């Protein structure tokens, strides 16, 4: 089970464009942010830096959230360099 805690005392700051490592080890490039057309929720746009370089979108609170899973307790993504 994955538990997340995206609460950061209000709206979290959007991640800067750049390279991030997922807690499972994959590397991703944050391209930018945008808003959901219906809910105005802030979303993070990113792409894989492996395989097909597919693009993904994730809510900001989920992107910056904490993960507790299989002995890991930490951020979902960590900026590299």
C-alpha atoms as a PDB file:
ATOM      1  CA  UNK A   1       0.000   0.000   0.000  1.00  0.00           C
ATOM      2  CA  UNK A   2       1.175   3.521  -0.773  1.00  0.00           C
ATOM      3  CA  UNK A   3       0.324   6.343   1.578  1.00  0.00           C
ATOM      4  CA  UNK A   4       0.962   9.886   0.513  1.00  0.00           C
ATOM      5  CA  UNK A   5       1.012  13.129   2.386  1.00  0.00           C
ATOM      6  CA  UNK A   6       0.956  16.032  -0.028  1.00  0.00           C
ATOM      7  CA  UNK A   7      -0.033  18.524   2.649  1.00  0.00           C
ATOM      8  CA  UNK A   8       2.731  21.060   2.958  1.00  0.00           C
ATOM      9  CA  UNK A   9       0.946  23.791   4.905  1.00  0.00           C
ATOM     10  CA  UNK A  10      -1.009  25.179   1.952  1.00  0.00           C
ATOM     11  CA  UNK A  11      -0.270  24.834  -1.750  1.00  0.00           C
ATOM     12  CA  UNK A  12       3.126  23.263  -2.384  1.00  0.00           C
ATOM     13  CA  UNK A  13       5.556  25.119  -4.626  1.00  0.00           C
ATOM     14  CA  UNK A  14       5.731  23.676  -8.156  1.00  0.00           C
ATOM     15  CA  UNK A  15       8.922  21.762  -8.938  1.00  0.00           C
ATOM     16  CA  UNK A  16      11.541  23.514 -11.049  1.00  0.00           C
ATOM     17  CA  UNK A  17      12.094  22.049 -14.515  1.00  0.00           C
ATOM     18  CA  UNK A  18      14.917  19.526 -14.399  1.00  0.00           C
ATOM     19  CA  UNK A  19      15.774  15.906 -13.699  1.00  0.00           C
ATOM     20  CA  UNK A  20      14.173  14.006 -10.819  1.00  0.00           C
ATOM     21  CA  UNK A  21      14.552  10.475  -9.473  1.00  0.00           C
ATOM     22  CA  UNK A  22      11.415   8.549  -8.500  1.00  0.00           C
ATOM     23  CA  UNK A  23      11.510   6.604  -5.235  1.00  0.00           C
ATOM     24  CA  UNK A  24      11.518   3.370  -7.281  1.00  0.00           C
ATOM     25  CA  UNK A  25      14.659   4.521  -9.124  1.00  0.00           C
ATOM     26  CA  UNK A  26      13.388   5.782 -12.487  1.00  0.00           C
ATOM     27  CA  UNK A  27      14.659   9.104 -13.812  1.00  0.00           C
ATOM     28  CA  UNK A  28      12.267  11.750 -15.140  1.00  0.00           C
ATOM     29  CA  UNK A  29      12.456  15.240 -16.584  1.00  0.00           C
ATOM     30  CA  UNK A  30       9.939  17.791 -15.322  1.00  0.00           C
ATOM     31  CA  UNK A  31       8.819  19.790 -18.348  1.00  0.00           C
ATOM     32  CA  UNK A  32       6.505  22.226 -16.574  1.00  0.00           C
ATOM     33  CA  UNK A  33       3.166  22.698 -14.860  1.00  0.00           C
ATOM     34  CA  UNK A  34      -0.380  23.474 -15.913  1.00  0.00           C
ATOM     35  CA  UNK A  35      -3.904  23.586 -14.561  1.00  0.00           C
ATOM     36  CA  UNK A  36      -6.771  21.148 -14.968  1.00  0.00           C
ATOM     37  CA  UNK A  37      -9.440  22.772 -17.144  1.00  0.00           C
ATOM     38  CA  UNK A  38     -12.358  21.837 -14.893  1.00  0.00           C
ATOM     39  CA  UNK A  39     -10.927  21.776 -11.361  1.00  0.00           C
ATOM     40  CA  UNK A  40      -8.087  24.327 -11.631  1.00  0.00           C
ATOM     41  CA  UNK A  41      -5.853  21.741  -9.898  1.00  0.00           C
ATOM     42  CA  UNK A  42      -2.132  22.314 -10.491  1.00  0.00           C
ATOM     43  CA  UNK A  43      -0.571  19.458 -12.488  1.00  0.00           C
ATOM     44  CA  UNK A  44       3.070  18.528 -13.148  1.00  0.00           C
ATOM     45  CA  UNK A  45       4.057  17.467 -16.690  1.00  0.00           C
ATOM     46  CA  UNK A  46       7.068  15.167 -16.909  1.00  0.00           C
ATOM     47  CA  UNK A  47       8.619  12.542 -19.174  1.00  0.00           C
ATOM     48  CA  UNK A  48      10.603   9.389 -18.655  1.00  0.00           C
ATOM     49  CA  UNK A  49      14.337   9.440 -19.347  1.00  0.00           C
ATOM     50  CA  UNK A  50      14.299   5.761 -20.272  1.00  0.00           C
ATOM     51  CA  UNK A  51      12.530   3.463 -22.747  1.00  0.00           C
ATOM     52  CA  UNK A  52      10.056   5.367 -24.934  1.00  0.00           C
ATOM     53  CA  UNK A  53      10.394   8.761 -23.188  1.00  0.00           C
ATOM     54  CA  UNK A  54       6.639   8.815 -22.656  1.00  0.00           C
ATOM     55  CA  UNK A  55       4.953  11.864 -21.113  1.00  0.00           C
ATOM     56  CA  UNK A  56       3.010  11.833 -17.847  1.00  0.00           C
ATOM     57  CA  UNK A  57       0.846  14.209 -15.802  1.00  0.00           C
ATOM     58  CA  UNK A  58       0.458  14.030 -12.029  1.00  0.00           C
ATOM     59  CA  UNK A  59      -1.272  16.343  -9.524  1.00  0.00           C
ATOM     60  CA  UNK A  60       1.235  18.620  -7.776  1.00  0.00           C
ATOM     61  CA  UNK A  61       0.374  17.364  -4.283  1.00  0.00           C
ATOM     62  CA  UNK A  62       1.004  13.789  -5.442  1.00  0.00           C
ATOM     63  CA  UNK A  63       4.294  14.705  -7.170  1.00  0.00           C
ATOM     64  CA  UNK A  64       5.722  16.420  -4.073  1.00  0.00           C
ATOM     65  CA  UNK A  65       4.041  14.013  -1.653  1.00  0.00           C
ATOM     66  CA  UNK A  66       5.586  11.543   0.735  1.00  0.00           C
ATOM     67  CA  UNK A  67       5.468   7.783   0.130  1.00  0.00           C
ATOM     68  CA  UNK A  68       5.370   5.116   2.833  1.00  0.00           C
ATOM     69  CA  UNK A  69       5.795   1.699   1.241  1.00  0.00           C
ATOM     70  CA  UNK A  70       7.787  -1.503   1.793  1.00  0.00           C
ATOM     71  CA  UNK A  71      10.190   0.066   4.275  1.00  0.00           C
ATOM     72  CA  UNK A  72      10.565   3.324   2.331  1.00  0.00           C
ATOM     73  CA  UNK A  73       9.413   6.566   3.940  1.00  0.00           C
ATOM     74  CA  UNK A  74      10.332   9.647   1.947  1.00  0.00           C
ATOM     75  CA  UNK A  75       9.561  11.892  -1.005  1.00  0.00           C
ATOM     76  CA  UNK A  76       8.073  10.437  -4.187  1.00  0.00           C
ATOM     77  CA  UNK A  77      10.517  12.436  -6.357  1.00  0.00           C
ATOM     78  CA  UNK A  78      13.913  13.959  -5.519  1.00  0.00           C
ATOM     79  CA  UNK A  79      15.618  16.523  -7.722  1.00  0.00           C
ATOM     80  CA  UNK A  80      18.999  15.477  -9.118  1.00  0.00           C
ATOM     81  CA  UNK A  81      21.881  17.946  -9.316  1.00  0.00           C
END
